[in-house]
Structure formats: C-alpha cells, structure tokens
Protein backbone atom coordinates (compact mmCIF):
# COMPACT_ATOMS: atom_id res chain seq x y z
CA MET A 1 14.09 -0.70 -20.05
CA ARG A 2 11.96 1.94 -18.33
CA LEU A 3 9.89 0.31 -15.60
CA ALA A 4 6.90 2.15 -14.20
CA ARG A 5 3.97 1.61 -11.90
CA ILE A 6 0.74 2.86 -13.39
CA ALA A 7 -2.93 3.37 -12.73
CA HIS A 8 -4.78 2.22 -15.87
CA PRO A 9 -8.48 1.76 -16.72
CA GLY A 10 -8.51 -1.68 -15.07
CA GLY A 11 -6.49 -0.98 -11.92
CA VAL A 12 -2.82 -0.70 -10.94
CA ALA A 13 0.11 -2.56 -12.48
CA PHE A 14 3.79 -2.51 -13.24
CA ALA A 15 4.59 -1.69 -16.83
CA SER A 16 7.38 -1.13 -19.33
CA ILE A 17 7.42 2.13 -21.27
CA GLU A 18 8.36 2.03 -24.94
CA GLY A 19 8.88 5.03 -27.20
CA ASP A 20 8.88 8.73 -26.38
CA GLY A 21 6.57 11.69 -26.56
CA ASP A 22 3.12 11.27 -28.10
CA ASP A 23 4.04 7.80 -29.39
CA ALA A 24 4.99 6.35 -25.99
CA GLN A 25 3.21 3.15 -25.01
CA VAL A 26 2.98 1.27 -21.71
CA LEU A 27 3.06 -2.54 -21.72
CA GLU A 28 1.51 -4.20 -18.66
CA ILE A 29 3.75 -6.54 -16.65
CA ALA A 30 2.23 -9.49 -14.83
CA GLU A 31 2.89 -9.53 -11.08
CA HIS A 32 6.27 -7.79 -10.53
CA PRO A 33 9.18 -6.32 -12.52
CA PHE A 34 12.01 -8.34 -10.92
CA GLY A 35 14.00 -10.96 -12.84
CA ASN A 36 12.59 -11.49 -16.33
CA PRO A 37 9.22 -9.70 -16.38
CA ASN A 38 6.25 -11.45 -17.97
CA PHE A 39 3.94 -9.29 -20.06
CA THR A 40 0.16 -9.67 -20.12
CA GLY A 41 -0.27 -8.38 -23.68
CA LYS A 42 -2.23 -5.32 -22.54
CA ARG A 43 -0.96 -1.93 -23.61
CA TRP A 44 -2.10 1.70 -23.51
CA PRO A 45 -0.83 5.05 -24.73
CA LEU A 46 1.23 6.66 -21.96
CA ALA A 47 -1.16 9.62 -22.09
CA ASP A 48 -4.05 7.35 -21.04
CA VAL A 49 -2.50 6.13 -17.78
CA ARG A 50 -1.28 7.81 -14.60
CA LEU A 51 2.28 7.31 -13.39
CA LEU A 52 2.54 6.29 -9.74
CA ALA A 53 5.63 5.95 -7.56
CA PRO A 54 7.58 3.38 -9.61
CA ILE A 55 8.17 1.14 -6.59
CA LEU A 56 6.79 0.73 -3.06
CA PRO A 57 9.91 -0.12 -1.04
CA SER A 58 9.94 -1.94 2.27
CA LYS A 59 12.44 0.72 3.35
CA VAL A 60 14.20 3.81 2.02
CA ILE A 61 17.81 4.11 3.16
CA ALA A 62 19.23 7.59 2.66
CA VAL A 63 22.84 8.76 2.73
CA GLY A 64 23.63 12.12 4.30
CA ARG A 65 26.40 14.55 3.35
CA ASN A 66 27.55 12.53 0.35
CA TYR A 67 28.45 15.56 -1.77
CA ALA A 68 31.31 17.62 -0.33
CA LYS A 69 29.88 20.99 -1.39
CA HIS A 70 26.48 20.18 0.12
CA ALA A 71 28.11 19.25 3.42
CA ALA A 72 30.06 22.51 3.30
CA GLU A 73 27.00 24.69 2.61
CA PHE A 74 25.69 23.68 6.05
CA GLY A 75 29.10 23.89 7.72
CA ASN A 76 29.57 20.13 8.02
CA GLU A 77 32.44 17.79 7.32
CA VAL A 78 32.13 14.82 4.97
CA PRO A 79 31.81 11.66 7.10
CA GLN A 80 34.47 8.99 6.73
CA ASP A 81 31.83 6.28 6.32
CA PRO A 82 28.43 6.74 4.68
CA MET A 83 25.99 8.42 7.07
CA LEU A 84 22.73 6.45 6.95
CA PHE A 85 19.19 7.27 8.00
CA ILE A 86 15.82 5.69 7.24
CA LYS A 87 12.77 7.24 5.64
CA PRO A 88 9.53 5.31 6.26
CA SER A 89 7.79 3.70 3.32
CA THR A 90 4.88 6.08 3.98
CA THR A 91 7.01 9.01 2.81
CA VAL A 92 6.89 7.68 -0.77
CA ILE A 93 4.72 9.41 -3.35
CA GLY A 94 4.76 9.50 -7.14
CA PRO A 95 4.97 12.19 -9.79
CA ASN A 96 2.61 15.17 -9.57
CA VAL A 97 1.40 14.23 -6.07
CA PRO A 98 1.64 17.17 -3.65
CA ILE A 99 4.45 17.40 -1.11
CA ARG A 100 2.46 18.33 1.99
CA ARG A 101 4.12 20.76 4.37
CA PRO A 102 2.98 19.96 7.94
CA ARG A 103 1.81 22.74 10.21
CA GLY A 104 4.35 24.26 12.54
CA VAL A 105 7.50 22.71 11.08
CA GLY A 106 9.15 25.90 9.80
CA ARG A 107 11.47 25.57 6.83
CA VAL A 108 10.96 22.60 4.49
CA ASP A 109 13.66 21.97 1.86
CA PHE A 110 13.85 20.04 -1.39
CA GLU A 111 16.87 17.79 -2.03
CA GLY A 112 17.26 16.30 -5.51
CA GLU A 113 18.90 12.86 -5.51
CA LEU A 114 19.73 9.82 -7.59
CA ALA A 115 17.96 6.76 -6.14
CA ILE A 116 19.19 3.18 -6.44
CA VAL A 117 16.45 0.52 -6.67
CA ILE A 118 17.45 -2.95 -5.46
CA GLY A 119 16.47 -5.92 -7.63
CA GLN A 120 17.08 -8.99 -5.45
CA PRO A 121 17.58 -9.92 -1.78
CA VAL A 122 21.18 -9.20 -0.82
CA LYS A 123 23.29 -9.19 2.33
CA ASN A 124 27.00 -8.35 2.54
CA VAL A 125 27.34 -7.94 -1.23
CA PRO A 126 30.84 -6.73 -2.18
CA ALA A 127 31.22 -3.56 -4.22
CA ALA A 128 32.57 -5.58 -7.14
CA ARG A 129 29.22 -7.38 -7.39
CA ALA A 130 26.97 -4.45 -6.49
CA ALA A 131 25.69 -4.04 -10.05
CA SER A 132 24.09 -7.49 -9.90
CA ALA A 133 21.97 -6.35 -6.95
CA ILE A 134 20.62 -3.23 -8.68
CA LEU A 135 17.38 -3.24 -10.66
CA GLY A 136 17.88 0.32 -11.86
CA TYR A 137 17.76 3.99 -10.95
CA THR A 138 15.10 6.63 -10.47
CA VAL A 139 14.81 10.26 -9.37
CA ALA A 140 14.13 11.17 -5.74
CA ASN A 141 13.42 14.22 -3.61
CA ASP A 142 14.61 13.82 -0.01
CA VAL A 143 12.25 16.43 1.44
CA SER A 144 13.49 17.68 4.82
CA ALA A 145 12.00 19.72 7.66
CA ARG A 146 15.20 21.66 8.23
CA ASP A 147 14.34 23.30 11.57
CA LEU A 148 13.42 19.93 13.09
CA GLN A 149 16.56 18.34 11.67
CA LYS A 150 18.63 20.88 13.59
CA SER A 151 16.63 20.89 16.82
CA ASP A 152 16.10 17.12 17.17
CA GLY A 153 19.71 16.09 16.72
CA GLN A 154 18.59 13.03 14.76
CA TRP A 155 16.69 13.03 11.52
CA GLY A 156 13.83 10.57 11.87
CA ARG A 157 11.11 13.17 12.34
CA ALA A 158 12.54 15.78 9.97
CA LYS A 159 12.85 13.31 7.10
CA GLY A 160 9.91 11.06 7.93
CA PHE A 161 6.70 13.00 7.30
CA ASP A 162 4.19 11.53 4.86
CA THR A 163 4.93 12.66 1.24
CA PHE A 164 8.59 13.50 2.05
CA CYS A 165 10.03 11.04 -0.51
CA PRO A 166 8.75 11.62 -4.05
CA LEU A 167 10.07 8.99 -6.49
CA GLY A 168 9.74 8.73 -10.27
CA PRO A 169 8.84 9.06 -12.98
CA TRP A 170 10.09 5.50 -13.66
CA ILE A 171 13.05 3.17 -13.10
CA GLU A 172 15.73 3.12 -15.78
CA THR A 173 17.35 -0.32 -15.85
CA SER A 174 19.91 0.24 -18.63
CA LEU A 175 22.05 3.06 -17.33
CA ASP A 176 25.59 3.80 -16.19
CA ALA A 177 24.87 6.14 -13.29
CA ALA A 178 28.49 7.02 -12.46
CA ASP A 179 28.44 10.45 -14.12
CA LEU A 180 24.98 11.91 -14.73
CA ALA A 181 23.82 15.52 -14.63
CA LEU A 182 21.37 16.29 -11.80
CA LYS A 183 19.38 19.51 -11.84
CA SER A 184 16.64 20.81 -9.51
CA GLU A 185 14.28 23.67 -10.27
CA VAL A 186 11.69 25.46 -8.16
CA ASP A 187 9.03 27.20 -10.26
CA GLY A 188 11.36 26.91 -13.24
CA VAL A 189 14.34 28.55 -11.50
CA LEU A 190 17.51 26.40 -11.43
CA LYS A 191 18.61 25.67 -7.85
CA GLN A 192 20.85 22.59 -8.07
CA ASP A 193 23.25 21.74 -10.87
CA GLY A 194 25.48 18.78 -9.99
CA ARG A 195 26.79 15.47 -11.27
CA THR A 196 26.70 12.02 -9.74
CA SER A 197 30.45 11.76 -10.36
CA ASP A 198 30.81 14.11 -7.37
CA LEU A 199 29.42 11.51 -4.96
CA VAL A 200 31.92 11.04 -2.11
CA HIS A 201 30.91 7.43 -1.54
CA LYS A 202 30.20 5.89 -4.96
CA ILE A 203 27.29 3.64 -5.87
CA PRO A 204 29.06 0.24 -5.52
CA GLU A 205 30.50 1.32 -2.16
CA LEU A 206 27.06 2.39 -0.93
CA VAL A 207 25.45 -0.92 -1.86
CA GLU A 208 28.24 -2.82 -0.12
CA PHE A 209 28.06 -0.63 3.00
CA VAL A 210 24.28 -0.64 3.34
CA SER A 211 23.95 -4.38 2.69
CA GLY A 212 26.58 -4.95 5.36
CA VAL A 213 24.25 -3.29 7.85
CA MET A 214 20.88 -4.66 6.77
CA THR A 215 19.40 -7.13 4.32
CA LEU A 216 18.18 -5.36 1.20
CA LEU A 217 14.98 -6.65 -0.37
CA PRO A 218 13.70 -6.31 -3.94
CA GLY A 219 12.32 -2.81 -4.38
CA ASP A 220 14.26 -1.24 -1.52
CA VAL A 221 15.61 2.21 -2.34
CA ILE A 222 18.93 3.84 -1.48
CA LEU A 223 19.05 7.64 -1.78
CA THR A 224 22.62 8.55 -2.67
CA GLY A 225 22.79 12.14 -1.39
CA THR A 226 22.18 15.62 -2.76
CA PRO A 227 24.42 18.25 -4.38
CA GLU A 228 24.73 21.80 -3.08
CA GLY A 229 21.94 24.28 -3.73
CA VAL A 230 19.12 22.87 -1.60
CA GLY A 231 16.61 25.36 -0.32
CA PRO A 232 13.11 26.01 1.00
CA ILE A 233 9.84 25.27 -0.76
CA GLU A 234 6.55 27.02 -0.07
CA ASP A 235 2.84 26.42 -0.56
CA GLY A 236 1.88 26.73 -4.23
CA GLN A 237 5.36 26.17 -5.64
CA SER A 238 6.45 23.30 -7.87
CA VAL A 239 9.70 21.31 -7.64
CA SER A 240 11.19 19.54 -10.66
CA ILE A 241 14.26 17.31 -10.45
CA THR A 242 15.85 16.04 -13.64
CA ILE A 243 18.54 13.37 -13.91
CA GLU A 244 20.25 12.75 -17.23
CA GLY A 245 19.24 9.45 -18.78
CA ILE A 246 16.23 8.99 -16.48
CA GLY A 247 13.79 11.89 -16.69
CA THR A 248 12.06 14.56 -14.63
CA LEU A 249 10.17 14.19 -11.35
CA THR A 250 7.77 17.07 -10.64
CA ASN A 251 5.71 17.65 -7.50
CA PRO A 252 3.64 20.61 -6.34
CA VAL A 253 3.92 21.87 -2.76
CA GLN A 254 0.89 22.21 -0.51
CA ASP A 255 0.46 23.38 3.07
CA ILE A 256 -1.76 21.29 5.35
C-alpha cells in the first residue's frame, strides 16, 4: 500500500494511492493510517490533490556516517555504533515545497536517504522483531548546512533549520528495503548512485538501537544515512531523490 497525506478540495487527510500515472486514484482514510485503516469512501484522481509530507513525526532521528564511502569522502571513520542526531519536526516539508537556504550559512548540501516510518509505540524492540514496528518507508533529504556542521562541533543547528527534512512522496508499506537503488540528481545531473545494501548498520539493527535509547511513537521517522556523492545546492536549483520501489521526491531550492 502507498500511504500519502494530501490536500484535497475539502481539507487535509491521509489517503491510499491506487494505480499509476493518469489513472492513479487517492482513497481517503478516516483519522490515521496506523493499524487497519478505515476508508471514508471519498476518492479523487491523484492529479486533483496535492501531496503533502506523508507523515508529521513527533521526532526525526537521523543516523550519521552509515555508508562507508560517504564517511570516507569527508575523511571520517565509520562509527562502531550508530551515530544519532535529532532533526526537529519543523524541518519536515513535503514534495515540491522549497528548501529554504538561510542567510549567512555558507554551503548547504543535499543528502538523499531512505527513511523508516514507525507504525506503533515501541521501546527496546529487538532486531528480530523490528519489522513489526515499521509502518513503511519513504524518501528523505537530510539537508545540511555544512559550514555550521564543521564549526559547531555538534549538528543541531546545521541539520535543524526549517525545511531541512523533505519527505515523500508517500510511504510504501509493502517493501523489502534491504537492497534498493538510491539516486540523487541536482537539475537532472546524477550526483548519488548507491544501494541500501551498503548501509553499515542495517535497518533492523537501527530500529533496535534507536528504540533502546528512546521510545518511538507512531509516525516517527528514522533517517538511515546517505551514500557518497553529497554536494551543495544553490538558489534556483532542483533536487530529486529516487528510491527504487518507492518513488521520487523533488524539491526546489530557494534563498531567503
């Protein structure tokens, strides 16, 4: 199932997307998409609604240096345990919403990532049962103010600006995410070309590790890390991140 959050003629709702291309339809879900969703009976052509960020998490937990080649491109070692940092919920935006580059921050980079969306409250869930805690997967861009990341020595400010966590276009709930192609393009030029099989700390391990630190709530998002090839984005450019089996997340870039 592809779960989305949409703006439709009557307001905002969760929805399931059926079909592809011009024939795609969105079916409105009552209340929330967790468990067994209840449908209202309302439906619209996908072309008649606007896709929003597919979830509004209470927190976004990101994993740093989780691809060996990405760690190496910045001269870093791969950490023995997952390296965690938090992105505020206010960083989250949906497809086609501008990534806003703050004044005076210097270099701002894109980072294409697979995102895990949690489906139920969990604490200390073992890796063997991690799949039961996962609602599905979506595409993410862990936008980073690189100069501030280096100068601050911790990443809260560099990773925490409003609009610095695009998510979308939807959540794919029926997917084996262990080995998916991940590609990032800036203005149509390929920049990242990786696979989720290259994750140092795999998805079940990440869910176990993160839930051992903090309680995960329905809708919380774990960003799994980015492959090598990250780079700067400038005003007027467009970033597109595609993950096999999910789709493409595109956002323009805008100076403020």
